Amino acid sequence: MKVLSLTEPFASLIKEKKKLVETRSWKTKYRGELYIHASLTKMPKTTLERKELMSLVQDIPLNYGYIICKCKLVDCIYMTKEYARNMKKNNYEEYICGIYEEGRYAWILEDIEPLKEKIETKGHLGVWNYEE
């Protein structure tokens, strides 16, 4: 199964279906089922200082070092200035959960399902394979 590792709180925001778009500096041609892994990397101070973002996770337990949900990656959209502007205007909560800038990519996630049992594992960069 393909896996994408994210730092917290972003992985848990996806698990809780509060974040449906993962923003990346790189594109992928992969489409299909994808596990979301919460990396062991601790939240940087700059993330902790983002009050609006942190208000979205105040009652959510974080999951460092676990695969916590699966979803479907259905699209990878190149961001234009207009795309970023529209996201900020029309979906502000999603906007504050990512980096919306021209030249980046919006990975569109659907059918998010939390796992009944989290899977403890070390993460990796990029999209990687988890062998059960």
N, C-alpha and C. Protein backbone atom coordinates (compact mmCIF):
# COMPACT_ATOMS: atom_id res chain seq x y z
N MET A 1 0.84 -1.18 0.00
CA MET A 1 0.00 0.00 0.00
C MET A 1 0.88 1.24 0.00
N LYS A 2 0.53 2.23 -0.77
CA LYS A 2 1.26 3.49 -0.82
C LYS A 2 0.95 4.30 0.43
N VAL A 3 1.96 5.03 0.90
CA VAL A 3 1.83 5.82 2.13
C VAL A 3 2.44 7.20 1.92
N LEU A 4 1.83 8.20 2.55
CA LEU A 4 2.38 9.55 2.59
C LEU A 4 2.55 9.94 4.05
N SER A 5 3.78 10.28 4.43
CA SER A 5 4.04 10.74 5.80
C SER A 5 3.87 12.25 5.87
N LEU A 6 3.20 12.68 6.93
CA LEU A 6 2.96 14.10 7.18
C LEU A 6 3.33 14.41 8.62
N THR A 7 3.74 15.62 8.88
CA THR A 7 3.94 16.03 10.26
C THR A 7 2.57 16.29 10.88
N GLU A 8 2.55 16.22 12.20
CA GLU A 8 1.34 16.61 12.92
C GLU A 8 1.31 18.12 12.99
N PRO A 9 0.15 18.73 13.04
CA PRO A 9 -1.19 18.15 13.18
C PRO A 9 -1.86 17.78 11.86
N PHE A 10 -1.12 17.88 10.75
CA PHE A 10 -1.74 17.74 9.44
C PHE A 10 -2.27 16.33 9.17
N ALA A 11 -1.54 15.31 9.61
CA ALA A 11 -2.02 13.94 9.42
C ALA A 11 -3.32 13.73 10.17
N SER A 12 -3.38 14.18 11.42
CA SER A 12 -4.60 14.00 12.21
C SER A 12 -5.76 14.84 11.68
N LEU A 13 -5.48 15.99 11.10
CA LEU A 13 -6.54 16.79 10.48
C LEU A 13 -7.15 16.04 9.30
N ILE A 14 -6.34 15.31 8.55
CA ILE A 14 -6.88 14.48 7.47
C ILE A 14 -7.72 13.36 8.06
N LYS A 15 -7.20 12.68 9.05
CA LYS A 15 -7.94 11.59 9.70
C LYS A 15 -9.31 12.05 10.18
N GLU A 16 -9.37 13.27 10.71
CA GLU A 16 -10.62 13.83 11.24
C GLU A 16 -11.48 14.48 10.15
N LYS A 17 -11.04 14.39 8.90
CA LYS A 17 -11.75 14.92 7.74
C LYS A 17 -11.91 16.45 7.80
N LYS A 18 -10.99 17.10 8.46
CA LYS A 18 -10.97 18.56 8.50
C LYS A 18 -10.05 19.11 7.41
N LYS A 19 -9.22 18.23 6.85
CA LYS A 19 -8.27 18.60 5.79
C LYS A 19 -8.45 17.59 4.67
N LEU A 20 -8.88 18.07 3.51
CA LEU A 20 -9.14 17.20 2.36
C LEU A 20 -8.18 17.45 1.21
N VAL A 21 -7.30 18.41 1.39
CA VAL A 21 -6.32 18.76 0.36
C VAL A 21 -4.95 18.82 1.03
N GLU A 22 -4.02 18.05 0.52
CA GLU A 22 -2.64 18.11 1.00
C GLU A 22 -1.84 18.93 0.00
N THR A 23 -1.17 19.97 0.48
CA THR A 23 -0.40 20.82 -0.42
C THR A 23 1.07 20.39 -0.38
N ARG A 24 1.64 20.32 -1.57
CA ARG A 24 3.02 19.84 -1.72
C ARG A 24 3.76 20.73 -2.72
N SER A 25 5.08 20.68 -2.65
CA SER A 25 5.91 21.42 -3.62
C SER A 25 6.16 20.58 -4.86
N TRP A 26 5.72 19.33 -4.85
CA TRP A 26 5.96 18.42 -5.97
C TRP A 26 4.68 17.70 -6.37
N LYS A 27 4.63 17.33 -7.64
CA LYS A 27 3.44 16.65 -8.15
C LYS A 27 3.65 15.14 -8.11
N THR A 28 2.55 14.43 -8.26
CA THR A 28 2.60 12.98 -8.37
C THR A 28 1.62 12.54 -9.44
N LYS A 29 1.97 11.48 -10.11
CA LYS A 29 1.06 10.88 -11.09
C LYS A 29 0.24 9.78 -10.46
N TYR A 30 0.61 9.41 -9.21
CA TYR A 30 -0.09 8.32 -8.53
C TYR A 30 -1.53 8.74 -8.22
N ARG A 31 -2.45 7.82 -8.46
CA ARG A 31 -3.85 7.97 -8.07
C ARG A 31 -4.27 6.65 -7.47
N GLY A 32 -5.02 6.70 -6.39
CA GLY A 32 -5.51 5.47 -5.79
C GLY A 32 -5.44 5.51 -4.28
N GLU A 33 -5.55 4.33 -3.66
CA GLU A 33 -5.56 4.24 -2.22
C GLU A 33 -4.21 4.68 -1.63
N LEU A 34 -4.31 5.35 -0.49
CA LEU A 34 -3.14 5.93 0.12
C LEU A 34 -3.33 5.92 1.63
N TYR A 35 -2.35 5.39 2.35
CA TYR A 35 -2.34 5.51 3.80
C TYR A 35 -1.76 6.87 4.17
N ILE A 36 -2.23 7.43 5.27
CA ILE A 36 -1.66 8.66 5.82
C ILE A 36 -0.93 8.30 7.11
N HIS A 37 0.34 8.67 7.16
CA HIS A 37 1.23 8.38 8.29
C HIS A 37 1.58 9.68 9.00
N ALA A 38 1.43 9.69 10.32
CA ALA A 38 1.84 10.83 11.14
C ALA A 38 3.30 10.61 11.54
N SER A 39 4.18 11.44 11.04
CA SER A 39 5.61 11.24 11.28
C SER A 39 5.96 11.50 12.75
N LEU A 40 7.16 11.08 13.12
CA LEU A 40 7.65 11.29 14.47
C LEU A 40 8.16 12.72 14.70
N THR A 41 8.30 13.48 13.63
CA THR A 41 8.79 14.85 13.74
C THR A 41 7.85 15.70 14.59
N LYS A 42 8.40 16.34 15.59
CA LYS A 42 7.60 17.21 16.46
C LYS A 42 7.22 18.49 15.72
N MET A 43 6.10 19.07 16.13
CA MET A 43 5.62 20.30 15.51
C MET A 43 6.61 21.44 15.72
N PRO A 44 6.96 22.13 14.65
CA PRO A 44 7.83 23.29 14.83
C PRO A 44 7.08 24.43 15.52
N LYS A 45 7.83 25.30 16.13
CA LYS A 45 7.26 26.45 16.84
C LYS A 45 6.36 27.28 15.92
N THR A 46 6.75 27.41 14.66
CA THR A 46 5.96 28.21 13.72
C THR A 46 4.55 27.62 13.52
N THR A 47 4.43 26.30 13.57
CA THR A 47 3.10 25.67 13.47
C THR A 47 2.33 25.93 14.76
N LEU A 48 2.96 25.73 15.89
CA LEU A 48 2.31 25.94 17.18
C LEU A 48 1.81 27.37 17.35
N GLU A 49 2.47 28.32 16.70
CA GLU A 49 2.08 29.73 16.80
C GLU A 49 0.92 30.10 15.89
N ARG A 50 0.52 29.22 15.01
CA ARG A 50 -0.60 29.49 14.09
C ARG A 50 -1.92 29.20 14.82
N LYS A 51 -2.46 30.21 15.50
CA LYS A 51 -3.61 30.05 16.39
C LYS A 51 -4.84 29.50 15.68
N GLU A 52 -5.14 29.98 14.49
CA GLU A 52 -6.32 29.48 13.77
C GLU A 52 -6.17 27.99 13.45
N LEU A 53 -4.99 27.60 12.99
CA LEU A 53 -4.74 26.19 12.69
C LEU A 53 -4.84 25.36 13.96
N MET A 54 -4.18 25.78 15.01
CA MET A 54 -4.16 25.00 16.25
C MET A 54 -5.55 24.90 16.88
N SER A 55 -6.43 25.86 16.61
CA SER A 55 -7.80 25.77 17.14
C SER A 55 -8.55 24.59 16.51
N LEU A 56 -8.14 24.16 15.33
CA LEU A 56 -8.78 23.03 14.66
C LEU A 56 -8.40 21.69 15.29
N VAL A 57 -7.31 21.67 16.06
CA VAL A 57 -6.85 20.40 16.64
C VAL A 57 -6.86 20.40 18.16
N GLN A 58 -7.48 21.38 18.77
CA GLN A 58 -7.40 21.49 20.23
C GLN A 58 -7.98 20.27 20.95
N ASP A 59 -8.95 19.58 20.38
CA ASP A 59 -9.55 18.41 21.03
C ASP A 59 -9.23 17.10 20.31
N ILE A 60 -8.22 17.12 19.45
CA ILE A 60 -7.87 15.94 18.66
C ILE A 60 -6.56 15.36 19.19
N PRO A 61 -6.55 14.07 19.55
CA PRO A 61 -5.27 13.47 19.95
C PRO A 61 -4.34 13.33 18.73
N LEU A 62 -3.08 13.66 18.91
CA LEU A 62 -2.12 13.55 17.82
C LEU A 62 -1.50 12.16 17.84
N ASN A 63 -0.96 11.72 16.71
CA ASN A 63 -0.61 10.31 16.50
C ASN A 63 0.79 10.11 15.98
N TYR A 64 1.79 10.65 16.63
CA TYR A 64 3.17 10.57 16.15
C TYR A 64 3.62 9.11 15.95
N GLY A 65 4.11 8.82 14.74
CA GLY A 65 4.70 7.51 14.46
C GLY A 65 3.74 6.42 14.04
N TYR A 66 2.55 6.78 13.59
CA TYR A 66 1.55 5.78 13.21
C TYR A 66 0.92 6.09 11.85
N ILE A 67 0.57 5.02 11.14
CA ILE A 67 -0.35 5.14 10.01
C ILE A 67 -1.74 5.19 10.65
N ILE A 68 -2.50 6.23 10.34
CA ILE A 68 -3.75 6.46 11.08
C ILE A 68 -5.02 6.40 10.24
N CYS A 69 -4.89 6.51 8.92
CA CYS A 69 -6.09 6.44 8.10
C CYS A 69 -5.71 6.08 6.66
N LYS A 70 -6.72 5.76 5.90
CA LYS A 70 -6.49 5.56 4.47
C LYS A 70 -7.48 6.44 3.73
N CYS A 71 -7.13 6.74 2.50
CA CYS A 71 -7.96 7.60 1.67
C CYS A 71 -7.68 7.27 0.21
N LYS A 72 -8.31 8.02 -0.66
CA LYS A 72 -8.00 7.91 -2.09
C LYS A 72 -7.45 9.24 -2.56
N LEU A 73 -6.32 9.17 -3.22
CA LEU A 73 -5.75 10.34 -3.88
C LEU A 73 -6.35 10.37 -5.27
N VAL A 74 -7.19 11.37 -5.53
CA VAL A 74 -7.95 11.38 -6.77
C VAL A 74 -7.47 12.40 -7.80
N ASP A 75 -6.66 13.38 -7.35
CA ASP A 75 -6.19 14.37 -8.31
C ASP A 75 -4.99 15.11 -7.72
N CYS A 76 -4.22 15.71 -8.59
CA CYS A 76 -3.07 16.52 -8.22
C CYS A 76 -3.13 17.77 -9.11
N ILE A 77 -3.47 18.89 -8.51
CA ILE A 77 -3.75 20.12 -9.26
C ILE A 77 -2.61 21.12 -9.09
N TYR A 78 -2.12 21.64 -10.20
CA TYR A 78 -1.13 22.70 -10.17
C TYR A 78 -1.81 23.97 -9.67
N MET A 79 -1.21 24.63 -8.69
CA MET A 79 -1.82 25.83 -8.13
C MET A 79 -1.41 27.08 -8.90
N THR A 80 -2.40 27.80 -9.29
CA THR A 80 -2.21 29.13 -9.85
C THR A 80 -2.52 30.15 -8.75
N LYS A 81 -2.22 31.41 -9.00
CA LYS A 81 -2.59 32.46 -8.04
C LYS A 81 -4.09 32.46 -7.83
N GLU A 82 -4.84 32.25 -8.91
CA GLU A 82 -6.30 32.25 -8.83
C GLU A 82 -6.80 31.08 -7.97
N TYR A 83 -6.20 29.90 -8.14
CA TYR A 83 -6.59 28.74 -7.34
C TYR A 83 -6.39 29.04 -5.85
N ALA A 84 -5.22 29.59 -5.51
CA ALA A 84 -4.93 29.91 -4.11
C ALA A 84 -5.89 30.98 -3.58
N ARG A 85 -6.16 31.99 -4.38
CA ARG A 85 -7.08 33.06 -3.99
C ARG A 85 -8.48 32.50 -3.74
N ASN A 86 -8.93 31.63 -4.66
CA ASN A 86 -10.26 31.03 -4.51
C ASN A 86 -10.35 30.15 -3.27
N MET A 87 -9.30 29.41 -2.98
CA MET A 87 -9.31 28.56 -1.79
C MET A 87 -9.41 29.43 -0.54
N LYS A 88 -8.65 30.51 -0.50
CA LYS A 88 -8.68 31.40 0.67
C LYS A 88 -10.07 32.02 0.85
N LYS A 89 -10.68 32.40 -0.25
CA LYS A 89 -11.99 33.06 -0.20
C LYS A 89 -13.12 32.07 0.10
N ASN A 90 -13.10 30.90 -0.52
CA ASN A 90 -14.23 29.98 -0.48
C ASN A 90 -14.09 28.81 0.48
N ASN A 91 -12.87 28.53 0.95
CA ASN A 91 -12.67 27.40 1.85
C ASN A 91 -11.52 27.74 2.81
N TYR A 92 -11.77 28.74 3.65
CA TYR A 92 -10.71 29.29 4.49
C TYR A 92 -10.15 28.26 5.46
N GLU A 93 -11.00 27.42 6.03
CA GLU A 93 -10.50 26.40 6.97
C GLU A 93 -9.49 25.48 6.28
N GLU A 94 -9.79 25.07 5.06
CA GLU A 94 -8.85 24.25 4.30
C GLU A 94 -7.59 25.05 3.99
N TYR A 95 -7.78 26.30 3.64
CA TYR A 95 -6.66 27.18 3.29
C TYR A 95 -5.63 27.28 4.42
N ILE A 96 -6.09 27.40 5.66
CA ILE A 96 -5.15 27.55 6.77
C ILE A 96 -4.44 26.24 7.10
N CYS A 97 -4.88 25.13 6.51
CA CYS A 97 -4.26 23.82 6.75
C CYS A 97 -3.17 23.49 5.73
N GLY A 98 -2.86 24.40 4.84
CA GLY A 98 -1.87 24.10 3.81
C GLY A 98 -1.05 25.32 3.43
N ILE A 99 -0.23 25.16 2.42
CA ILE A 99 0.54 26.26 1.85
C ILE A 99 0.04 26.44 0.42
N TYR A 100 -0.75 27.46 0.24
CA TYR A 100 -1.36 27.72 -1.06
C TYR A 100 -0.63 28.86 -1.75
N GLU A 101 0.26 28.48 -2.66
CA GLU A 101 1.06 29.43 -3.41
C GLU A 101 1.18 28.96 -4.85
N GLU A 102 1.26 29.91 -5.74
CA GLU A 102 1.46 29.58 -7.15
C GLU A 102 2.69 28.70 -7.31
N GLY A 103 2.56 27.64 -8.12
CA GLY A 103 3.67 26.74 -8.38
C GLY A 103 3.68 25.50 -7.52
N ARG A 104 2.84 25.46 -6.49
CA ARG A 104 2.73 24.27 -5.65
C ARG A 104 1.61 23.38 -6.19
N TYR A 105 1.35 22.26 -5.50
CA TYR A 105 0.35 21.29 -5.96
C TYR A 105 -0.63 20.97 -4.84
N ALA A 106 -1.88 20.82 -5.23
CA ALA A 106 -2.95 20.44 -4.32
C ALA A 106 -3.31 18.98 -4.60
N TRP A 107 -3.06 18.12 -3.63
CA TRP A 107 -3.40 16.71 -3.74
C TRP A 107 -4.79 16.54 -3.16
N ILE A 108 -5.73 16.12 -3.97
CA ILE A 108 -7.13 16.03 -3.56
C ILE A 108 -7.41 14.64 -3.00
N LEU A 109 -7.89 14.62 -1.75
CA LEU A 109 -8.14 13.36 -1.04
C LEU A 109 -9.64 13.14 -0.86
N GLU A 110 -10.07 11.92 -1.05
CA GLU A 110 -11.47 11.55 -0.86
C GLU A 110 -11.55 10.24 -0.09
N ASP A 111 -12.75 9.91 0.34
CA ASP A 111 -13.04 8.62 1.01
C ASP A 111 -12.08 8.34 2.16
N ILE A 112 -11.93 9.31 3.03
CA ILE A 112 -11.03 9.17 4.18
C ILE A 112 -11.67 8.25 5.22
N GLU A 113 -10.90 7.25 5.63
CA GLU A 113 -11.37 6.29 6.63
C GLU A 113 -10.31 6.12 7.71
N PRO A 114 -10.63 6.51 8.96
CA PRO A 114 -9.69 6.23 10.05
C PRO A 114 -9.51 4.72 10.20
N LEU A 115 -8.29 4.30 10.52
CA LEU A 115 -8.04 2.87 10.74
C LEU A 115 -8.57 2.47 12.12
N LYS A 116 -9.12 1.27 12.21
CA LYS A 116 -9.59 0.77 13.50
C LYS A 116 -8.43 0.60 14.45
N GLU A 117 -7.30 0.14 13.93
CA GLU A 117 -6.08 0.01 14.72
C GLU A 117 -4.94 0.71 13.99
N LYS A 118 -4.33 1.67 14.68
CA LYS A 118 -3.21 2.38 14.09
C LYS A 118 -2.05 1.42 13.88
N ILE A 119 -1.21 1.74 12.89
CA ILE A 119 -0.05 0.90 12.57
C ILE A 119 1.21 1.68 12.91
N GLU A 120 1.96 1.20 13.89
CA GLU A 120 3.20 1.87 14.27
C GLU A 120 4.28 1.56 13.24
N THR A 121 4.88 2.59 12.70
CA THR A 121 5.94 2.41 11.71
C THR A 121 6.71 3.71 11.55
N LYS A 122 7.90 3.57 11.05
CA LYS A 122 8.74 4.72 10.74
C LYS A 122 8.34 5.26 9.37
N GLY A 123 8.30 6.55 9.23
CA GLY A 123 7.93 7.14 7.96
C GLY A 123 9.11 7.31 7.02
N HIS A 124 8.81 7.79 5.83
CA HIS A 124 9.83 8.04 4.81
C HIS A 124 9.41 9.28 4.01
N LEU A 125 10.34 9.81 3.27
CA LEU A 125 10.03 10.94 2.39
C LEU A 125 9.34 10.44 1.13
N GLY A 126 8.56 11.32 0.53
CA GLY A 126 7.86 10.97 -0.70
C GLY A 126 6.72 9.99 -0.46
N VAL A 127 6.19 9.45 -1.52
CA VAL A 127 5.19 8.39 -1.42
C VAL A 127 5.97 7.09 -1.33
N TRP A 128 5.70 6.31 -0.30
CA TRP A 128 6.46 5.09 -0.06
C TRP A 128 5.53 3.91 0.12
N ASN A 129 6.10 2.72 0.09
CA ASN A 129 5.31 1.48 0.18
C ASN A 129 5.38 0.92 1.58
N TYR A 130 4.21 0.52 2.10
CA TYR A 130 4.15 -0.19 3.37
C TYR A 130 3.73 -1.63 3.06
N GLU A 131 4.53 -2.56 3.52
CA GLU A 131 4.24 -3.97 3.33
C GLU A 131 3.73 -4.53 4.64
N GLU A 132 2.49 -4.99 4.65
CA GLU A 132 1.90 -5.53 5.88
C GLU A 132 2.46 -6.89 6.21
